[in-house]
Amino acid sequence: MTSPAVTVEPATSIDEALAMMTRRRFRHFPVVEDGTLVAFISIGDLVKRKIDEVQHEAEALRNYIQAV
């Protein structure tokens, strides 16, 4: 782990966290809110969430196109 620890906040976007992980070659981030550790996320957690987002958007677009 680096010193000082590199952390993200709950408000950090998925894209921003993934970019930080890629840029810094990290696989995990502590999530800190008001100086307190609230979670520990992995790159796998973020990728899964991103895939879920993309699938939800694709489904919404399919539904929209079929309704027109």
PDB file of N, CA and C in Angstrom:
ATOM      1  N   MET A   1       0.846  -1.177   0.000  1.00  0.00           N
ATOM      2  CA  MET A   1       0.000   0.000   0.000  1.00  0.00           C
ATOM      3  C   MET A   1       0.887   1.234   0.000  1.00  0.00           C
ATOM      4  N   THR A   2       0.370   2.306  -0.583  1.00  0.00           N
ATOM      5  CA  THR A   2       1.141   3.540  -0.641  1.00  0.00           C
ATOM      6  C   THR A   2       1.002   4.311   0.663  1.00  0.00           C
ATOM      7  N   SER A   3       1.929   5.209   0.904  1.00  0.00           N
ATOM      8  CA  SER A   3       1.848   6.071   2.081  1.00  0.00           C
ATOM      9  C   SER A   3       2.032   7.507   1.626  1.00  0.00           C
ATOM     10  N   PRO A   4       1.101   8.385   1.868  1.00  0.00           N
ATOM     11  CA  PRO A   4      -0.204   8.131   2.491  1.00  0.00           C
ATOM     12  C   PRO A   4      -1.109   7.328   1.555  1.00  0.00           C
ATOM     13  N   ALA A   5      -2.086   6.667   2.146  1.00  0.00           N
ATOM     14  CA  ALA A   5      -2.997   5.823   1.376  1.00  0.00           C
ATOM     15  C   ALA A   5      -3.786   6.653   0.366  1.00  0.00           C
ATOM     16  N   VAL A   6      -3.920   6.131  -0.828  1.00  0.00           N
ATOM     17  CA  VAL A   6      -4.750   6.761  -1.854  1.00  0.00           C
ATOM     18  C   VAL A   6      -6.158   6.233  -1.651  1.00  0.00           C
ATOM     19  N   THR A   7      -7.114   7.132  -1.468  1.00  0.00           N
ATOM     20  CA  THR A   7      -8.487   6.738  -1.171  1.00  0.00           C
ATOM     21  C   THR A   7      -9.447   7.410  -2.139  1.00  0.00           C
ATOM     22  N   VAL A   8     -10.681   6.928  -2.126  1.00  0.00           N
ATOM     23  CA  VAL A   8     -11.762   7.571  -2.865  1.00  0.00           C
ATOM     24  C   VAL A   8     -12.891   7.841  -1.877  1.00  0.00           C
ATOM     25  N   GLU A   9     -13.815   8.690  -2.300  1.00  0.00           N
ATOM     26  CA  GLU A   9     -14.991   9.004  -1.484  1.00  0.00           C
ATOM     27  C   GLU A   9     -16.203   8.313  -2.088  1.00  0.00           C
ATOM     28  N   PRO A  10     -17.271   8.147  -1.321  1.00  0.00           N
ATOM     29  CA  PRO A  10     -18.473   7.530  -1.876  1.00  0.00           C
ATOM     30  C   PRO A  10     -19.004   8.257  -3.115  1.00  0.00           C
ATOM     31  N   ALA A  11     -18.767   9.554  -3.214  1.00  0.00           N
ATOM     32  CA  ALA A  11     -19.252  10.336  -4.357  1.00  0.00           C
ATOM     33  C   ALA A  11     -18.379  10.188  -5.604  1.00  0.00           C
ATOM     34  N   THR A  12     -17.226   9.534  -5.485  1.00  0.00           N
ATOM     35  CA  THR A  12     -16.346   9.343  -6.643  1.00  0.00           C
ATOM     36  C   THR A  12     -17.067   8.484  -7.674  1.00  0.00           C
ATOM     37  N   SER A  13     -17.065   8.939  -8.918  1.00  0.00           N
ATOM     38  CA  SER A  13     -17.758   8.184  -9.964  1.00  0.00           C
ATOM     39  C   SER A  13     -17.009   6.890 -10.281  1.00  0.00           C
ATOM     40  N   ILE A  14     -17.740   5.947 -10.821  1.00  0.00           N
ATOM     41  CA  ILE A  14     -17.148   4.676 -11.218  1.00  0.00           C
ATOM     42  C   ILE A  14     -16.059   4.909 -12.258  1.00  0.00           C
ATOM     43  N   ASP A  15     -16.361   5.749 -13.245  1.00  0.00           N
ATOM     44  CA  ASP A  15     -15.378   6.023 -14.297  1.00  0.00           C
ATOM     45  C   ASP A  15     -14.114   6.651 -13.728  1.00  0.00           C
ATOM     46  N   GLU A  16     -14.278   7.578 -12.796  1.00  0.00           N
ATOM     47  CA  GLU A  16     -13.116   8.233 -12.191  1.00  0.00           C
ATOM     48  C   GLU A  16     -12.285   7.238 -11.378  1.00  0.00           C
ATOM     49  N   ALA A  17     -12.955   6.389 -10.599  1.00  0.00           N
ATOM     50  CA  ALA A  17     -12.234   5.391  -9.801  1.00  0.00           C
ATOM     51  C   ALA A  17     -11.507   4.393 -10.697  1.00  0.00           C
ATOM     52  N   LEU A  18     -12.173   3.945 -11.782  1.00  0.00           N
ATOM     53  CA  LEU A  18     -11.518   3.026 -12.719  1.00  0.00           C
ATOM     54  C   LEU A  18     -10.300   3.682 -13.376  1.00  0.00           C
ATOM     55  N   ALA A  19     -10.439   4.956 -13.729  1.00  0.00           N
ATOM     56  CA  ALA A  19      -9.315   5.668 -14.342  1.00  0.00           C
ATOM     57  C   ALA A  19      -8.140   5.775 -13.365  1.00  0.00           C
ATOM     58  N   MET A  20      -8.439   6.061 -12.100  1.00  0.00           N
ATOM     59  CA  MET A  20      -7.383   6.145 -11.081  1.00  0.00           C
ATOM     60  C   MET A  20      -6.699   4.793 -10.902  1.00  0.00           C
ATOM     61  N   MET A  21      -7.489   3.728 -10.880  1.00  0.00           N
ATOM     62  CA  MET A  21      -6.912   2.392 -10.725  1.00  0.00           C
ATOM     63  C   MET A  21      -6.013   2.048 -11.900  1.00  0.00           C
ATOM     64  N   THR A  22      -6.461   2.388 -13.090  1.00  0.00           N
ATOM     65  CA  THR A  22      -5.666   2.105 -14.286  1.00  0.00           C
ATOM     66  C   THR A  22      -4.380   2.922 -14.285  1.00  0.00           C
ATOM     67  N   ARG A  23      -4.522   4.209 -14.025  1.00  0.00           N
ATOM     68  CA  ARG A  23      -3.378   5.119 -14.060  1.00  0.00           C
ATOM     69  C   ARG A  23      -2.333   4.749 -13.005  1.00  0.00           C
ATOM     70  N   ARG A  24      -2.787   4.386 -11.812  1.00  0.00           N
ATOM     71  CA  ARG A  24      -1.861   4.116 -10.710  1.00  0.00           C
ATOM     72  C   ARG A  24      -1.546   2.628 -10.554  1.00  0.00           C
ATOM     73  N   ARG A  25      -2.200   1.800 -11.385  1.00  0.00           N
ATOM     74  CA  ARG A  25      -1.998   0.349 -11.352  1.00  0.00           C
ATOM     75  C   ARG A  25      -2.367  -0.252  -9.994  1.00  0.00           C
ATOM     76  N   PHE A  26      -3.514   0.216  -9.464  1.00  0.00           N
ATOM     77  CA  PHE A  26      -4.058  -0.313  -8.213  1.00  0.00           C
ATOM     78  C   PHE A  26      -5.176  -1.276  -8.543  1.00  0.00           C
ATOM     79  N   ARG A  27      -5.430  -2.212  -7.653  1.00  0.00           N
ATOM     80  CA  ARG A  27      -6.544  -3.146  -7.819  1.00  0.00           C
ATOM     81  C   ARG A  27      -7.615  -2.947  -6.744  1.00  0.00           C
ATOM     82  N   HIS A  28      -7.288  -2.175  -5.703  1.00  0.00           N
ATOM     83  CA  HIS A  28      -8.223  -1.933  -4.609  1.00  0.00           C
ATOM     84  C   HIS A  28      -8.102  -0.492  -4.127  1.00  0.00           C
ATOM     85  N   PHE A  29      -9.197   0.024  -3.606  1.00  0.00           N
ATOM     86  CA  PHE A  29      -9.209   1.355  -2.993  1.00  0.00           C
ATOM     87  C   PHE A  29     -10.005   1.325  -1.700  1.00  0.00           C
ATOM     88  N   PRO A  30      -9.486   1.951  -0.648  1.00  0.00           N
ATOM     89  CA  PRO A  30     -10.323   2.187   0.526  1.00  0.00           C
ATOM     90  C   PRO A  30     -11.265   3.351   0.197  1.00  0.00           C
ATOM     91  N   VAL A  31     -12.501   3.232   0.643  1.00  0.00           N
ATOM     92  CA  VAL A  31     -13.484   4.307   0.477  1.00  0.00           C
ATOM     93  C   VAL A  31     -13.605   4.986   1.825  1.00  0.00           C
ATOM     94  N   VAL A  32     -13.313   6.299   1.856  1.00  0.00           N
ATOM     95  CA  VAL A  32     -13.273   7.039   3.110  1.00  0.00           C
ATOM     96  C   VAL A  32     -14.271   8.186   3.052  1.00  0.00           C
ATOM     97  N   GLU A  33     -15.044   8.327   4.142  1.00  0.00           N
ATOM     98  CA  GLU A  33     -15.994   9.427   4.262  1.00  0.00           C
ATOM     99  C   GLU A  33     -15.767  10.095   5.612  1.00  0.00           C
ATOM    100  N   ASP A  34     -15.491  11.385   5.575  1.00  0.00           N
ATOM    101  CA  ASP A  34     -15.215  12.159   6.798  1.00  0.00           C
ATOM    102  C   ASP A  34     -14.117  11.517   7.643  1.00  0.00           C
ATOM    103  N   GLY A  35     -13.080  11.007   6.980  1.00  0.00           N
ATOM    104  CA  GLY A  35     -11.943  10.428   7.678  1.00  0.00           C
ATOM    105  C   GLY A  35     -12.151   9.017   8.192  1.00  0.00           C
ATOM    106  N   THR A  36     -13.309   8.422   7.904  1.00  0.00           N
ATOM    107  CA  THR A  36     -13.622   7.076   8.383  1.00  0.00           C
ATOM    108  C   THR A  36     -13.725   6.114   7.214  1.00  0.00           C
ATOM    109  N   LEU A  37     -13.101   4.958   7.349  1.00  0.00           N
ATOM    110  CA  LEU A  37     -13.190   3.912   6.333  1.00  0.00           C
ATOM    111  C   LEU A  37     -14.616   3.369   6.317  1.00  0.00           C
ATOM    112  N   VAL A  38     -15.266   3.448   5.147  1.00  0.00           N
ATOM    113  CA  VAL A  38     -16.644   2.960   5.040  1.00  0.00           C
ATOM    114  C   VAL A  38     -16.757   1.750   4.123  1.00  0.00           C
ATOM    115  N   ALA A  39     -15.747   1.503   3.302  1.00  0.00           N
ATOM    116  CA  ALA A  39     -15.781   0.352   2.390  1.00  0.00           C
ATOM    117  C   ALA A  39     -14.392   0.140   1.811  1.00  0.00           C
ATOM    118  N   PHE A  40     -14.261  -0.990   1.139  1.00  0.00           N
ATOM    119  CA  PHE A  40     -13.033  -1.325   0.427  1.00  0.00           C
ATOM    120  C   PHE A  40     -13.480  -1.929  -0.888  1.00  0.00           C
ATOM    121  N   ILE A  41     -13.170  -1.274  -2.007  1.00  0.00           N
ATOM    122  CA  ILE A  41     -13.655  -1.734  -3.311  1.00  0.00           C
ATOM    123  C   ILE A  41     -12.512  -2.269  -4.162  1.00  0.00           C
ATOM    124  N   SER A  42     -12.866  -3.190  -5.029  1.00  0.00           N
ATOM    125  CA  SER A  42     -11.879  -3.758  -5.940  1.00  0.00           C
ATOM    126  C   SER A  42     -12.212  -3.345  -7.367  1.00  0.00           C
ATOM    127  N   ILE A  43     -11.274  -3.549  -8.252  1.00  0.00           N
ATOM    128  CA  ILE A  43     -11.504  -3.249  -9.658  1.00  0.00           C
ATOM    129  C   ILE A  43     -12.633  -4.136 -10.189  1.00  0.00           C
ATOM    130  N   GLY A  44     -12.727  -5.354  -9.677  1.00  0.00           N
ATOM    131  CA  GLY A  44     -13.811  -6.250 -10.076  1.00  0.00           C
ATOM    132  C   GLY A  44     -15.179  -5.699  -9.688  1.00  0.00           C
ATOM    133  N   ASP A  45     -15.273  -5.100  -8.488  1.00  0.00           N
ATOM    134  CA  ASP A  45     -16.528  -4.477  -8.054  1.00  0.00           C
ATOM    135  C   ASP A  45     -16.943  -3.379  -9.023  1.00  0.00           C
ATOM    136  N   LEU A  46     -15.976  -2.547  -9.403  1.00  0.00           N
ATOM    137  CA  LEU A  46     -16.269  -1.415 -10.283  1.00  0.00           C
ATOM    138  C   LEU A  46     -16.635  -1.874 -11.693  1.00  0.00           C
ATOM    139  N   VAL A  47     -15.918  -2.863 -12.206  1.00  0.00           N
ATOM    140  CA  VAL A  47     -16.214  -3.367 -13.552  1.00  0.00           C
ATOM    141  C   VAL A  47     -17.605  -3.997 -13.584  1.00  0.00           C
ATOM    142  N   LYS A  48     -17.951  -4.755 -12.561  1.00  0.00           N
ATOM    143  CA  LYS A  48     -19.284  -5.354 -12.499  1.00  0.00           C
ATOM    144  C   LYS A  48     -20.358  -4.269 -12.490  1.00  0.00           C
ATOM    145  N   ARG A  49     -20.160  -3.240 -11.692  1.00  0.00           N
ATOM    146  CA  ARG A  49     -21.140  -2.144 -11.621  1.00  0.00           C
ATOM    147  C   ARG A  49     -21.251  -1.427 -12.964  1.00  0.00           C
ATOM    148  N   LYS A  50     -20.123  -1.219 -13.632  1.00  0.00           N
ATOM    149  CA  LYS A  50     -20.119  -0.553 -14.935  1.00  0.00           C
ATOM    150  C   LYS A  50     -20.866  -1.398 -15.968  1.00  0.00           C
ATOM    151  N   ILE A  51     -20.636  -2.692 -15.977  1.00  0.00           N
ATOM    152  CA  ILE A  51     -21.338  -3.586 -16.903  1.00  0.00           C
ATOM    153  C   ILE A  51     -22.839  -3.537 -16.636  1.00  0.00           C
ATOM    154  N   ASP A  52     -23.231  -3.556 -15.363  1.00  0.00           N
ATOM    155  CA  ASP A  52     -24.651  -3.452 -15.019  1.00  0.00           C
ATOM    156  C   ASP A  52     -25.256  -2.152 -15.549  1.00  0.00           C
ATOM    157  N   GLU A  53     -24.518  -1.051 -15.406  1.00  0.00           N
ATOM    158  CA  GLU A  53     -24.972   0.255 -15.922  1.00  0.00           C
ATOM    159  C   GLU A  53     -25.187   0.207 -17.427  1.00  0.00           C
ATOM    160  N   VAL A  54     -24.212  -0.318 -18.150  1.00  0.00           N
ATOM    161  CA  VAL A  54     -24.277  -0.378 -19.608  1.00  0.00           C
ATOM    162  C   VAL A  54     -25.437  -1.265 -20.058  1.00  0.00           C
ATOM    163  N   GLN A  55     -25.625  -2.393 -19.389  1.00  0.00           N
ATOM    164  CA  GLN A  55     -26.736  -3.276 -19.741  1.00  0.00           C
ATOM    165  C   GLN A  55     -28.082  -2.597 -19.481  1.00  0.00           C
ATOM    166  N   HIS A  56     -28.188  -1.854 -18.394  1.00  0.00           N
ATOM    167  CA  HIS A  56     -29.424  -1.138 -18.076  1.00  0.00           C
ATOM    168  C   HIS A  56     -29.704  -0.076 -19.142  1.00  0.00           C
ATOM    169  N   GLU A  57     -28.687   0.671 -19.543  1.00  0.00           N
ATOM    170  CA  GLU A  57     -28.849   1.685 -20.586  1.00  0.00           C
ATOM    171  C   GLU A  57     -29.246   1.055 -21.915  1.00  0.00           C
ATOM    172  N   ALA A  58     -28.635  -0.065 -22.259  1.00  0.00           N
ATOM    173  CA  ALA A  58     -28.956  -0.744 -23.518  1.00  0.00           C
ATOM    174  C   ALA A  58     -30.399  -1.223 -23.499  1.00  0.00           C
ATOM    175  N   GLU A  59     -30.856  -1.758 -22.391  1.00  0.00           N
ATOM    176  CA  GLU A  59     -32.240  -2.219 -22.268  1.00  0.00           C
ATOM    177  C   GLU A  59     -33.211  -1.047 -22.400  1.00  0.00           C
ATOM    178  N   ALA A  60     -32.883   0.075 -21.783  1.00  0.00           N
ATOM    179  CA  ALA A  60     -33.738   1.262 -21.885  1.00  0.00           C
ATOM    180  C   ALA A  60     -33.815   1.744 -23.328  1.00  0.00           C
ATOM    181  N   LEU A  61     -32.707   1.726 -24.042  1.00  0.00           N
ATOM    182  CA  LEU A  61     -32.704   2.130 -25.448  1.00  0.00           C
ATOM    183  C   LEU A  61     -33.513   1.173 -26.303  1.00  0.00           C
ATOM    184  N   ARG A  62     -33.375  -0.132 -26.054  1.00  0.00           N
ATOM    185  CA  ARG A  62     -34.167  -1.120 -26.796  1.00  0.00           C
ATOM    186  C   ARG A  62     -35.658  -0.889 -26.564  1.00  0.00           C
ATOM    187  N   ASN A  63     -36.044  -0.661 -25.329  1.00  0.00           N
ATOM    188  CA  ASN A  63     -37.446  -0.410 -25.015  1.00  0.00           C
ATOM    189  C   ASN A  63     -37.946   0.860 -25.694  1.00  0.00           C
ATOM    190  N   TYR A  64     -37.122   1.890 -25.710  1.00  0.00           N
ATOM    191  CA  TYR A  64     -37.494   3.152 -26.339  1.00  0.00           C
ATOM    192  C   TYR A  64     -37.695   2.946 -27.850  1.00  0.00           C
ATOM    193  N   ILE A  65     -36.765   2.249 -28.466  1.00  0.00           N
ATOM    194  CA  ILE A  65     -36.840   2.024 -29.928  1.00  0.00           C
ATOM    195  C   ILE A  65     -38.068   1.180 -30.278  1.00  0.00           C
ATOM    196  N   GLN A  66     -38.361   0.180 -29.505  1.00  0.00           N
ATOM    197  CA  GLN A  66     -39.522  -0.671 -29.769  1.00  0.00           C
ATOM    198  C   GLN A  66     -40.834   0.089 -29.565  1.00  0.00           C
ATOM    199  N   ALA A  67     -40.833   1.081 -28.700  1.00  0.00           N
ATOM    200  CA  ALA A  67     -42.061   1.859 -28.430  1.00  0.00           C
ATOM    201  C   ALA A  67     -42.349   2.868 -29.518  1.00  0.00           C
ATOM    202  N   VAL A  68     -41.347   3.221 -30.288  1.00  0.00           N
ATOM    203  CA  VAL A  68     -41.519   4.250 -31.330  1.00  0.00           C
ATOM    204  C   VAL A  68     -42.098   3.693 -32.575  1.00  0.00           C
TER     205      VAL A  68
END
